[in-house]
Amino acid sequence: MSVVAIHYLRPPDRATVFHNVLVHRADDCIVTLMEHTELQRTIRVGEQIILEDGSPAVWLTFPDTWHDVGLFHTANDRFTGYYANIITPVVFRSDTEWETTDLFLDVWVGADGVVTLLDEDELETALASDWITEVDAAAAREEALRLLNAAHAGTWPPDRVKEWTLGRARAVAAAGTSEDTAV
């Protein structure tokens, strides 16, 4: 089983490397498992806890796309919802070494179906502080709007995202081989 090192820049200068287990690779979608998310603080939407320290997350990365998707859970494995992280398209330095930059906006679809745009204020601060370009900010807004519209129409997240449950990702990881459909 391969481990992917994802170099994640959060402007202006916070760089983190996440190590996720590769569970599926196809030309248009790569699925990784982060068994124990390390967080400095619990992530909430309103009063709802959506991810906490030690929680598992299943991540779907789509080449040439301005977002990835996390299936979030609490530390006791309760599914909380779908988190679209608006990012620059991932640069694949190799099969196991990736990098991307966070563009601050996030789209949340809770397990209850409520759709929420997150962190608009953080995008505005980043833009005002010259941490990101106007071009990247416009791309982030466009991607977030596209996902919000699709979520409100009931077409996002797509079934391929919903099929990657925590149980499925863990089963593939436990088997020790990824579900490769293309290289």
Protein backbone atom coordinates (compact mmCIF):
# COMPACT_ATOMS: atom_id res chain seq x y z
CA MET A 1 0.00 0.00 0.00
CA SER A 2 1.40 3.39 -1.02
CA VAL A 3 1.47 6.44 1.18
CA VAL A 4 1.02 9.80 -0.54
CA ALA A 5 2.77 12.91 0.79
CA ILE A 6 0.56 15.92 0.07
CA HIS A 7 2.40 19.23 0.43
CA TYR A 8 -0.30 21.72 1.35
CA LEU A 9 0.37 25.45 1.44
CA ARG A 10 -2.01 27.69 3.33
CA PRO A 11 -0.96 31.25 2.43
CA PRO A 12 0.85 33.21 3.44
CA ASP A 13 3.35 30.75 4.90
CA ARG A 14 1.78 27.72 6.60
CA ALA A 15 3.08 24.59 4.90
CA THR A 16 1.92 21.16 6.02
CA VAL A 17 2.65 17.71 4.65
CA PHE A 18 -0.20 15.23 5.01
CA HIS A 19 0.53 11.51 4.70
CA ASN A 20 -2.48 9.60 3.40
CA VAL A 21 -2.87 5.98 2.38
CA LEU A 22 -3.64 5.55 -1.32
CA VAL A 23 -6.73 3.37 -1.74
CA HIS A 24 -7.82 4.06 -5.33
CA ARG A 25 -6.25 5.55 -8.43
CA ALA A 26 -8.00 6.23 -11.72
CA ASP A 27 -7.19 8.82 -14.37
CA ASP A 28 -9.93 11.16 -13.14
CA CYS A 29 -10.06 10.46 -9.38
CA ILE A 30 -7.64 9.44 -6.65
CA VAL A 31 -8.88 8.35 -3.23
CA THR A 32 -6.78 8.50 -0.08
CA LEU A 33 -7.47 7.71 3.57
CA MET A 34 -6.31 9.81 6.49
CA GLU A 35 -7.01 7.51 9.40
CA HIS A 36 -6.27 10.04 12.15
CA THR A 37 -6.55 13.73 11.31
CA GLU A 38 -4.24 15.90 13.39
CA LEU A 39 -5.97 19.17 14.26
CA GLN A 40 -5.08 22.08 16.47
CA ARG A 41 -8.78 22.85 16.90
CA THR A 42 -12.11 21.17 16.30
CA ILE A 43 -13.75 22.24 13.04
CA ARG A 44 -17.37 23.31 13.33
CA VAL A 45 -20.09 24.59 11.06
CA GLY A 46 -22.26 26.64 13.35
CA GLU A 47 -22.50 24.55 16.50
CA GLN A 48 -22.01 21.22 14.70
CA ILE A 49 -18.68 19.44 15.05
CA ILE A 50 -17.68 18.28 11.56
CA LEU A 51 -14.08 17.14 12.19
CA GLU A 52 -12.06 16.76 15.36
CA ASP A 53 -8.57 15.70 16.31
CA GLY A 54 -8.11 11.99 15.63
CA SER A 55 -11.03 11.78 13.18
CA PRO A 56 -10.75 9.73 10.00
CA ALA A 57 -11.31 11.39 6.61
CA VAL A 58 -11.58 9.96 3.12
CA TRP A 59 -10.22 12.35 0.48
CA LEU A 60 -11.02 12.37 -3.24
CA THR A 61 -8.63 14.30 -5.46
CA PHE A 62 -9.53 15.13 -9.04
CA PRO A 63 -6.66 16.02 -11.41
CA ASP A 64 -6.95 19.45 -13.07
CA THR A 65 -9.78 20.47 -10.72
CA TRP A 66 -9.97 23.45 -8.33
CA HIS A 67 -11.23 21.41 -5.36
CA ASP A 68 -10.87 18.14 -3.53
CA VAL A 69 -13.52 16.48 -1.38
CA GLY A 70 -13.25 15.13 2.14
CA LEU A 71 -15.79 12.79 3.68
CA PHE A 72 -15.61 13.96 7.29
CA HIS A 73 -16.30 12.02 10.48
CA THR A 74 -16.08 12.53 14.21
CA ALA A 75 -13.43 10.66 16.22
CA ASN A 76 -15.96 7.86 16.86
CA ASP A 77 -16.44 7.40 13.06
CA ARG A 78 -19.83 9.14 12.77
CA PHE A 79 -20.14 10.59 9.26
CA THR A 80 -20.74 14.36 9.37
CA GLY A 81 -20.73 15.41 5.71
CA TYR A 82 -18.86 16.38 2.55
CA TYR A 83 -16.23 19.11 2.60
CA ALA A 84 -15.08 20.60 -0.70
CA ASN A 85 -11.78 22.32 -0.14
CA ILE A 86 -11.21 24.94 -2.85
CA ILE A 87 -7.56 24.62 -3.90
CA THR A 88 -5.26 25.13 -6.85
CA PRO A 89 -5.23 22.06 -9.10
CA VAL A 90 -2.93 19.47 -7.53
CA VAL A 91 0.56 19.24 -9.01
CA PHE A 92 1.65 15.61 -9.12
CA ARG A 93 5.43 15.64 -8.64
CA SER A 94 5.27 11.82 -8.66
CA ASP A 95 2.69 9.14 -7.90
CA THR A 96 3.28 9.67 -4.18
CA GLU A 97 4.38 13.32 -3.94
CA TRP A 98 1.76 16.02 -4.54
CA GLU A 99 1.39 19.71 -3.85
CA THR A 100 -1.41 22.26 -3.81
CA THR A 101 -2.34 25.64 -2.35
CA ASP A 102 -5.44 26.34 -0.29
CA LEU A 103 -7.65 29.11 -1.69
CA PHE A 104 -9.58 29.53 1.56
CA LEU A 105 -13.17 28.95 0.41
CA ASP A 106 -14.88 25.68 1.31
CA VAL A 107 -18.27 24.22 0.49
CA TRP A 108 -19.92 22.08 3.15
CA VAL A 109 -22.80 19.66 2.63
CA GLY A 110 -23.74 18.25 6.01
CA ALA A 111 -25.12 14.77 6.56
CA ASP A 112 -28.43 16.60 7.08
CA GLY A 113 -28.21 18.01 3.51
CA VAL A 114 -27.68 21.63 4.56
CA VAL A 115 -25.33 23.41 2.12
CA THR A 116 -22.97 26.11 3.43
CA LEU A 117 -20.25 28.28 1.90
CA LEU A 118 -17.41 28.67 4.41
CA ASP A 119 -14.57 31.14 4.94
CA GLU A 120 -15.49 34.00 2.59
CA ASP A 121 -13.90 36.35 5.12
CA GLU A 122 -10.62 34.40 4.96
CA LEU A 123 -10.55 34.71 1.16
CA GLU A 124 -11.10 38.48 1.42
CA THR A 125 -8.30 38.79 3.99
CA ALA A 126 -5.95 36.73 1.81
CA LEU A 127 -6.72 38.88 -1.21
CA ALA A 128 -6.36 42.17 0.69
CA SER A 129 -3.04 40.94 2.12
CA ASP A 130 -1.72 39.89 -1.31
CA TRP A 131 -1.40 36.27 -0.19
CA ILE A 132 -3.18 35.13 -3.35
CA THR A 133 -3.72 36.70 -6.75
CA GLU A 134 -6.94 38.18 -8.13
CA VAL A 135 -6.89 35.39 -10.73
CA ASP A 136 -6.77 32.66 -8.07
CA ALA A 137 -9.44 34.42 -5.99
CA ALA A 138 -11.73 34.61 -9.03
CA ALA A 139 -11.11 30.91 -9.78
CA ALA A 140 -11.89 30.04 -6.15
CA ARG A 141 -15.15 31.99 -6.22
CA GLU A 142 -16.16 30.44 -9.55
CA GLU A 143 -15.46 26.90 -8.32
CA ALA A 144 -17.30 27.46 -5.04
CA LEU A 145 -20.31 28.89 -6.88
CA ARG A 146 -20.34 25.95 -9.29
CA LEU A 147 -20.34 23.47 -6.38
CA LEU A 148 -22.95 25.45 -4.42
CA ASN A 149 -25.29 25.53 -7.41
CA ALA A 150 -24.82 21.80 -8.01
CA ALA A 151 -25.38 21.03 -4.31
CA HIS A 152 -28.59 23.08 -4.25
CA ALA A 153 -29.71 21.24 -7.42
CA GLY A 154 -29.01 17.91 -5.70
CA THR A 155 -26.26 16.87 -8.13
CA TRP A 156 -23.28 17.44 -5.84
CA PRO A 157 -21.59 15.59 -4.37
CA PRO A 158 -21.79 13.06 -7.19
CA ASP A 159 -22.45 9.37 -6.54
CA ARG A 160 -18.77 8.48 -7.10
CA VAL A 161 -17.94 10.55 -4.00
CA LYS A 162 -20.74 9.02 -1.95
CA GLU A 163 -19.56 5.50 -2.87
CA TRP A 164 -16.26 6.01 -1.03
CA THR A 165 -17.48 5.40 2.49
CA LEU A 166 -15.09 5.15 5.39
CA GLY A 167 -15.80 1.41 5.55
CA ARG A 168 -14.89 0.90 1.91
CA ALA A 169 -11.69 2.95 2.18
CA ARG A 170 -10.64 1.06 5.31
CA ALA A 171 -11.37 -2.30 3.70
CA VAL A 172 -9.20 -1.46 0.70
CA ALA A 173 -6.42 -0.13 2.95
CA ALA A 174 -6.59 -3.26 5.14
CA ALA A 175 -6.30 -5.46 2.05
CA GLY A 176 -2.95 -3.80 1.39
CA THR A 177 -3.51 -2.93 -2.27
CA SER A 178 -5.17 0.03 -3.92
CA GLU A 179 -8.07 -0.31 -6.36
CA ASP A 180 -6.14 0.88 -9.41
CA THR A 181 -8.23 1.22 -12.54
CA ALA A 182 -5.65 3.19 -14.50
CA VAL A 183 -2.08 4.26 -14.01
